[in-house]
Amino acid sequence: MPTMELSALDLRLEHTRKRDSAYEKQLLSSIMERDILDPLLVSLCKETGGTVLVDGFKRYRCAEKLNKNIVMVEYIGEDVVDGVLSFIRRDQTGTLCILEQAALIEELHKKYGLGLSDIAR
């Protein structure tokens, strides 16, 4: 599994995800005991040549608190649009609430210029 420095991740999508301090506190305890078990989901960014964090913001913040500078990542897209669409499709467990889904769709529509019919497909 590839790894990456936390500081190299672009957090531009963080505003699309809800914070849950109670869950994050539990996650922090778990990470202290067993480390981060699931990789952070990332996408390449054609505009900057960097890497955008798509999912794993709570794990990211916990890693920061614990001074873990290197995390496992899984690439899920060749660009931000591809990564976000891939993430939405993968969400079989329902981790995204309706507000988060809407925020990601709005991001694709307004910032990346995708039409709603393109997003729906």
C-alpha atoms as a PDB file:
ATOM      1  CA  MET A   1       0.000   0.000   0.000  1.00  0.00           C
ATOM      2  CA  PRO A   2       1.466   3.396  -0.938  1.00  0.00           C
ATOM      3  CA  THR A   3       2.195   5.952   1.762  1.00  0.00           C
ATOM      4  CA  MET A   4       2.291   9.723   1.736  1.00  0.00           C
ATOM      5  CA  GLU A   5       3.255  12.593   3.990  1.00  0.00           C
ATOM      6  CA  LEU A   6       0.280  14.332   5.587  1.00  0.00           C
ATOM      7  CA  SER A   7       1.640  17.709   4.562  1.00  0.00           C
ATOM      8  CA  ALA A   8       1.472  16.699   0.892  1.00  0.00           C
ATOM      9  CA  LEU A   9      -2.311  16.252   0.945  1.00  0.00           C
ATOM     10  CA  ASP A  10      -4.585  18.965  -0.464  1.00  0.00           C
ATOM     11  CA  LEU A  11      -7.617  19.397   1.829  1.00  0.00           C
ATOM     12  CA  ARG A  12      -9.831  21.341  -0.601  1.00  0.00           C
ATOM     13  CA  LEU A  13     -12.789  18.966  -0.089  1.00  0.00           C
ATOM     14  CA  GLU A  14     -12.771  19.101   3.713  1.00  0.00           C
ATOM     15  CA  HIS A  15     -15.694  21.556   3.757  1.00  0.00           C
ATOM     16  CA  THR A  16     -17.924  18.907   2.143  1.00  0.00           C
ATOM     17  CA  ARG A  17     -17.673  16.559   5.128  1.00  0.00           C
ATOM     18  CA  LYS A  18     -19.329  16.817   8.546  1.00  0.00           C
ATOM     19  CA  ARG A  19     -17.321  16.787  11.723  1.00  0.00           C
ATOM     20  CA  ASP A  20     -18.226  14.389  14.531  1.00  0.00           C
ATOM     21  CA  SER A  21     -16.116  15.098  17.595  1.00  0.00           C
ATOM     22  CA  ALA A  22     -17.452  12.106  19.574  1.00  0.00           C
ATOM     23  CA  TYR A  23     -16.589   9.681  16.785  1.00  0.00           C
ATOM     24  CA  GLU A  24     -13.256  11.378  16.234  1.00  0.00           C
ATOM     25  CA  LYS A  25     -12.407  10.924  19.916  1.00  0.00           C
ATOM     26  CA  GLN A  26     -13.154   7.174  19.652  1.00  0.00           C
ATOM     27  CA  LEU A  27     -11.142   6.972  16.456  1.00  0.00           C
ATOM     28  CA  LEU A  28      -8.190   8.690  18.117  1.00  0.00           C
ATOM     29  CA  SER A  29      -8.193   6.063  20.894  1.00  0.00           C
ATOM     30  CA  SER A  30      -8.390   3.275  18.327  1.00  0.00           C
ATOM     31  CA  ILE A  31      -5.511   4.706  16.301  1.00  0.00           C
ATOM     32  CA  MET A  32      -3.408   5.060  19.449  1.00  0.00           C
ATOM     33  CA  GLU A  33      -3.933   1.337  20.130  1.00  0.00           C
ATOM     34  CA  ARG A  34      -3.844  -0.156  16.635  1.00  0.00           C
ATOM     35  CA  ASP A  35      -2.657   2.554  14.225  1.00  0.00           C
ATOM     36  CA  ILE A  36      -4.671   3.663  11.188  1.00  0.00           C
ATOM     37  CA  LEU A  37      -6.176   0.513   9.680  1.00  0.00           C
ATOM     38  CA  ASP A  38      -7.853   1.938   6.560  1.00  0.00           C
ATOM     39  CA  PRO A  39      -5.977   4.002   3.986  1.00  0.00           C
ATOM     40  CA  LEU A  40      -6.989   7.577   3.245  1.00  0.00           C
ATOM     41  CA  LEU A  41      -8.682   7.812  -0.157  1.00  0.00           C
ATOM     42  CA  VAL A  42      -6.960  10.268  -2.462  1.00  0.00           C
ATOM     43  CA  SER A  43      -7.090  11.497  -6.023  1.00  0.00           C
ATOM     44  CA  LEU A  44      -4.524  13.088  -8.265  1.00  0.00           C
ATOM     45  CA  CYS A  45      -5.020  16.750  -9.155  1.00  0.00           C
ATOM     46  CA  LYS A  46      -4.219  17.684 -12.745  1.00  0.00           C
ATOM     47  CA  GLU A  47      -4.222  21.443 -12.030  1.00  0.00           C
ATOM     48  CA  THR A  48      -1.566  21.351  -9.313  1.00  0.00           C
ATOM     49  CA  GLY A  49       0.098  17.989  -9.867  1.00  0.00           C
ATOM     50  CA  GLY A  50      -0.627  17.234  -6.214  1.00  0.00           C
ATOM     51  CA  THR A  51      -2.833  14.816  -4.351  1.00  0.00           C
ATOM     52  CA  VAL A  52      -6.301  15.676  -2.998  1.00  0.00           C
ATOM     53  CA  LEU A  53      -7.766  13.977   0.054  1.00  0.00           C
ATOM     54  CA  VAL A  54     -11.229  12.672  -0.868  1.00  0.00           C
ATOM     55  CA  ASP A  55     -12.060  10.578   2.202  1.00  0.00           C
ATOM     56  CA  GLY A  56     -10.363  10.151   5.558  1.00  0.00           C
ATOM     57  CA  PHE A  57     -10.518  13.628   7.049  1.00  0.00           C
ATOM     58  CA  LYS A  58     -11.140  12.305  10.572  1.00  0.00           C
ATOM     59  CA  ARG A  59      -8.208   9.880  10.236  1.00  0.00           C
ATOM     60  CA  TYR A  60      -6.139  12.776   8.873  1.00  0.00           C
ATOM     61  CA  ARG A  61      -6.908  14.976  11.898  1.00  0.00           C
ATOM     62  CA  CYS A  62      -6.202  12.093  14.293  1.00  0.00           C
ATOM     63  CA  ALA A  63      -2.879  11.396  12.573  1.00  0.00           C
ATOM     64  CA  GLU A  64      -2.003  15.081  12.925  1.00  0.00           C
ATOM     65  CA  LYS A  65      -2.828  15.035  16.652  1.00  0.00           C
ATOM     66  CA  LEU A  66      -0.633  11.976  17.103  1.00  0.00           C
ATOM     67  CA  ASN A  67       2.223  13.477  15.057  1.00  0.00           C
ATOM     68  CA  LYS A  68       2.023  10.693  12.477  1.00  0.00           C
ATOM     69  CA  ASN A  69       3.545  12.299   9.420  1.00  0.00           C
ATOM     70  CA  ILE A  70       3.185   9.325   7.055  1.00  0.00           C
ATOM     71  CA  VAL A  71      -0.155   7.628   6.249  1.00  0.00           C
ATOM     72  CA  MET A  72      -1.311   4.867   3.928  1.00  0.00           C
ATOM     73  CA  VAL A  73      -3.254   6.080   0.910  1.00  0.00           C
ATOM     74  CA  GLU A  74      -5.331   4.515  -1.818  1.00  0.00           C
ATOM     75  CA  TYR A  75      -5.588   6.306  -5.154  1.00  0.00           C
ATOM     76  CA  ILE A  76      -9.179   6.289  -6.387  1.00  0.00           C
ATOM     77  CA  GLY A  77      -9.033   8.826  -9.214  1.00  0.00           C
ATOM     78  CA  GLU A  78      -6.878  10.260 -11.977  1.00  0.00           C
ATOM     79  CA  ASP A  79      -8.253  13.723 -11.172  1.00  0.00           C
ATOM     80  CA  VAL A  80     -10.486  15.309  -8.528  1.00  0.00           C
ATOM     81  CA  VAL A  81     -13.724  14.761 -10.477  1.00  0.00           C
ATOM     82  CA  ASP A  82     -12.903  11.102 -11.057  1.00  0.00           C
ATOM     83  CA  GLY A  83     -11.949  10.666  -7.401  1.00  0.00           C
ATOM     84  CA  VAL A  84     -15.133  12.243  -6.052  1.00  0.00           C
ATOM     85  CA  LEU A  85     -17.365  10.266  -8.415  1.00  0.00           C
ATOM     86  CA  SER A  86     -15.507   7.067  -7.543  1.00  0.00           C
ATOM     87  CA  PHE A  87     -15.917   7.785  -3.827  1.00  0.00           C
ATOM     88  CA  ILE A  88     -19.660   8.429  -4.150  1.00  0.00           C
ATOM     89  CA  ARG A  89     -20.069   5.185  -6.124  1.00  0.00           C
ATOM     90  CA  ARG A  90     -18.032   3.215  -3.551  1.00  0.00           C
ATOM     91  CA  ASP A  91     -20.102   4.405  -0.598  1.00  0.00           C
ATOM     92  CA  GLN A  92     -22.022   1.147  -0.226  1.00  0.00           C
ATOM     93  CA  THR A  93     -21.933   1.324   3.572  1.00  0.00           C
ATOM     94  CA  GLY A  94     -23.704   4.683   3.653  1.00  0.00           C
ATOM     95  CA  THR A  95     -20.931   6.585   5.392  1.00  0.00           C
ATOM     96  CA  LEU A  96     -21.885   9.713   3.440  1.00  0.00           C
ATOM     97  CA  CYS A  97     -24.970  11.441   4.780  1.00  0.00           C
ATOM     98  CA  ILE A  98     -27.292  13.188   2.328  1.00  0.00           C
ATOM     99  CA  LEU A  99     -25.787  16.606   3.157  1.00  0.00           C
ATOM    100  CA  GLU A 100     -22.277  15.366   2.387  1.00  0.00           C
ATOM    101  CA  GLN A 101     -23.449  13.831  -0.880  1.00  0.00           C
ATOM    102  CA  ALA A 102     -25.117  17.111  -1.806  1.00  0.00           C
ATOM    103  CA  ALA A 103     -21.976  19.098  -0.929  1.00  0.00           C
ATOM    104  CA  LEU A 104     -19.823  16.849  -3.116  1.00  0.00           C
ATOM    105  CA  ILE A 105     -22.292  17.087  -6.000  1.00  0.00           C
ATOM    106  CA  GLU A 106     -22.415  20.874  -5.636  1.00  0.00           C
ATOM    107  CA  GLU A 107     -18.598  20.948  -5.723  1.00  0.00           C
ATOM    108  CA  LEU A 108     -18.566  18.913  -8.948  1.00  0.00           C
ATOM    109  CA  HIS A 109     -21.225  21.151 -10.488  1.00  0.00           C
ATOM    110  CA  LYS A 110     -20.028  24.608  -9.430  1.00  0.00           C
ATOM    111  CA  LYS A 111     -16.266  24.280  -9.151  1.00  0.00           C
ATOM    112  CA  TYR A 112     -15.578  21.669 -11.821  1.00  0.00           C
ATOM    113  CA  GLY A 113     -18.384  22.583 -14.241  1.00  0.00           C
ATOM    114  CA  LEU A 114     -20.048  19.185 -14.526  1.00  0.00           C
ATOM    115  CA  GLY A 115     -23.657  19.251 -15.627  1.00  0.00           C
ATOM    116  CA  LEU A 116     -26.177  17.588 -13.366  1.00  0.00           C
ATOM    117  CA  SER A 117     -26.961  14.998 -16.026  1.00  0.00           C
ATOM    118  CA  ASP A 118     -23.237  14.146 -16.264  1.00  0.00           C
ATOM    119  CA  ILE A 119     -23.071  13.707 -12.500  1.00  0.00           C
ATOM    120  CA  ALA A 120     -26.197  11.546 -12.490  1.00  0.00           C
ATOM    121  CA  ARG A 121     -24.685   9.200 -15.076  1.00  0.00           C
END
